Each structure stands twice: as structure tokens, then as C-alpha cells.
């Protein structure tokens, strides 16, 4: 018996050495693979991945399950930040790299078959339908109304009150509430009013947060473990079930009410939200599909926009040179469009034509997303054997992770000053730089172009938030005189 055990252990170690030899990146251990390093660096995950990628030249392969028959397929993970590979995955061979069964199983209870949890024709249909809606002037105007009203009547007054009272504020929490109210209004025409005096809690927002957190915990555990906990109602699976049930009831009530309003000839209100637009189409959509559309839309625009805005204002606050250029550009545009009376600058929000002229502000937002992308990493499933542009072979059944965070921090892509916040950078880039835009990478690739590129949609709203706040800032007289051109000073 002892001889058999020794033989098996010896055979495994020989096999393990053979499987380990071609791998690069973090250290791989018997059975558990590179999971110990992953767990050890959980609190600095993005930087840890970036360090490994710098060491390996932009791509490495590791094993998270060093078990025979699994290590070369399901246990193999390719990690890359090479722009050529990203373009190949998200554009050139997009059909070969879907989200895959693992991703879909993890998110199914929360997102169903919505756009962020579907592949193939289901994804393509929802993508085309949503993109078509975003091209309409009415939805763009609706977004403007929700955003501008929330900023002017809620966000700015809270900031001014804190300034007068000398209190600090949690800017990220305020921005999270702001984007949540806006995205709910744009998605299904309901304002949860989380950004109001006193910052009240909202049951729908809390249930959505708990469901998202519980869903993300599934990624940490092997599928067999979280499925076992789901079947027997253990741990966070209980929270997930209860939270999803609350979200379902909330959205079902909204859909039923909207149906009655749309069929009531005496109803005088207007519905230009995304949910109503889907319900007005000739196609007949199930309530479950409509609910998934709204829920996926909220997930797309809430955290992504608030995180991007938080990083943007932090970066501007610690870079006086950028701050000065931004205020100068805003003052210049407002002088040309609204005259020299500074008091009138904030009577109305910036129009779309005025926003389009703020080239440096757009560059600063793009530079923010380069350094701090809203989605730092994403993973795909490999359908068929493939070879990446850098020569890396990826077998069918394995996983591939592309690190957007690392892409923005590589010297071989952006130069020696890659860690500096420099909005002028896009104008200086040579032609060999990444040909796939950051916002295209951030949305997971594919066509058509995202709403944010057209100034609409969730992250298009982020640009409106930025410009409105900076407009208030530039006209308020509070920035140091050196930051405001003489013609713009009170």
C-alpha cells in the first residue's frame, strides 16, 4: 500500500513539474496552483497582476487547479495586457471569447440573460436594440434632464451646505447616490431619491447592493461549493436569494404600473425612459426580459460612472496644473457662449454643443479611465484553440483574463511616464499605441460603439456630471485667482 502511495505521489510530482515548466507569472503550487498568491494579494489584486505582467512582458499563463485532466484546460488561465491581444480578443476573434458558462452561472440569479450575462445572438440582439435607442434624441434629452436636475437641485446644494458648515463629505458615496438616482430614472422612470438631505437609505438600492456583493463572492469559491451552499441555503446564498426576491418584486411592480399607464388614454404623463421605450415597440417582450434589461442597465451605469468620477476629481485635486487648464477651458467656452457675466453661467446647464467644445475635459476623463478603469479586469472563456498575436497558445476550455488596469500602466505601451496623470497624452501618442480605445475595452468589446462615445448612456452622463460641477466651480469665485483667467474673475 505504501509503495502504491509513493508511486502515485512520485508520478504526480513528475507530472506537476512538466505542467509547471512552461508557465510564467506567479508561483504555482501542487494541487492549488497559483491560488495562494491570489489570496495573499487579494487586497492589492490589480497591482499584483500588473507586477506579474511587467515581469513577463505583458502576458503570462498560470494554473489555478494543478490537477491532472484539468490543469491544461479548465485550470489554465492566460492573463494579458498586450494591446494586440486585447484587440484580438475583443474585436478580431470576438466570437471565440464569450463570457462562458462559469460567468453565466455565477450571475444568472441576479442578471438572468441580460446583456451583461449573455453571449451570441442573445447578446447581439440586446446590444443592437439598446444602441438603437441611445441614438434617439429623446433619450439623450431625457438623460440630460435627469442628470442636470439631480446635480442642480440635490448634489450641488449638499456640497455647498457642507462647505458653509465646514464639514467633510464622502464624495464617492454622494456620486454613487447621484448616479443610482439618474440611472434608475433613465432605466425605468423612477427616482429612488437616495441623494436627498439626510442621505436616506433605499430598500431597492440596499437589496441591489447586497445581491451584487453576494454574487461576486461566488467567484472566490469553486462552483461546487457555492452551488452546495445555494441548495442548502447557507451563508451569503441566503442573502442573495432574499435580495434578488426584493429586487424582482420592486421591478415587477414598476412594470405592471407602467403597462397600465401606457394603455390608459387619460394618462397625461410622459415616459421616455428605456423600459417604456422597449414596451412601446411592436415586439412583445416578456416581463422577465424587461426586468433584466432594466437591471443590467443599472449595473452598467451605476458603479462605473461613480467610480470614474471619484477618481477624476481626486486626480484633478492633486494636479493643480490640470485643474488650471480645465478651469481655463471652461471659462473660455462660457465666455464665448454666455458672455462675461459670470453670474449667468450657471443659469442653465451646459448644452451638448458647449460640452463638445471641452476637449481638455474629455481628455482628462479619458486619462482618468486609463489609470483607473471602472472595470480593472475581465475574463473570457476560450471556445476553440487559438494563438494570440504575441504568439501565446490558448487551448479550448481555458480562461483568459485581460487586465485593463495593467494596460494603462505599462511603459512599453505608454512610455516612461505611464504612471503620470497627463491629459495631453492622447495627442502625443505615436501610431503604434493601442488601436482599441479604453472605453471599448471597458465595455467588453464587440460592436456597435458604446453610448458613451456618442455622449449618451450611463457613462455619457458621467461627462455631464463632471462638466456641471466644474461649471459651478469656475463661476463660484472660490478657486484661487491664479486658476481663473483675468477675464473670468468677478
Foldseek 3Di string as FASTA:
>chain_A
DVVVVVVVVVVLVVVLCVLQVQFFFAAQDAQQKRVVVCVVCVVPNQVSLLVRCQVVVFKTKTFRGSDPPCRQFARIEIEGAPLLQLCCCFPVPVLQWAADDVQLVLCCLQQNCFLVRHDDPSNVVNVVVVVVLLVDPLLQVQLVVLLVCCCVVFVVVVVVVCVVVVHDDDQLVLLLLSLLQSLLCQAQNDGQPCRHPVSDDGLLVVLLVLLVVLSVVCVVDDVVVVVVCCVVVDDSNVSNVVSSVVLVVVLVVSVVVLVVLVPDPPRDDDDSHPLNVVPPDPDDDDSVRSSSHSSVQSVVFRQQLSVLLVLLVVLCVVDVVLLLVQLAQLLVLCCVVPNLPLVCLLVDADDPVSLVSSLLLVLLSLLSCQQPNSDQKGKTAGQAWDAGPVGDTRHHNYMYMYGSNSSQQHCVAQNPVSNDRDSCRVVVDDPVHNPQGSVCSSVRHDDDDDSCVVLDGNNSSSSSNVRSVSSCVSSVQPDPPVSHDPSRHD
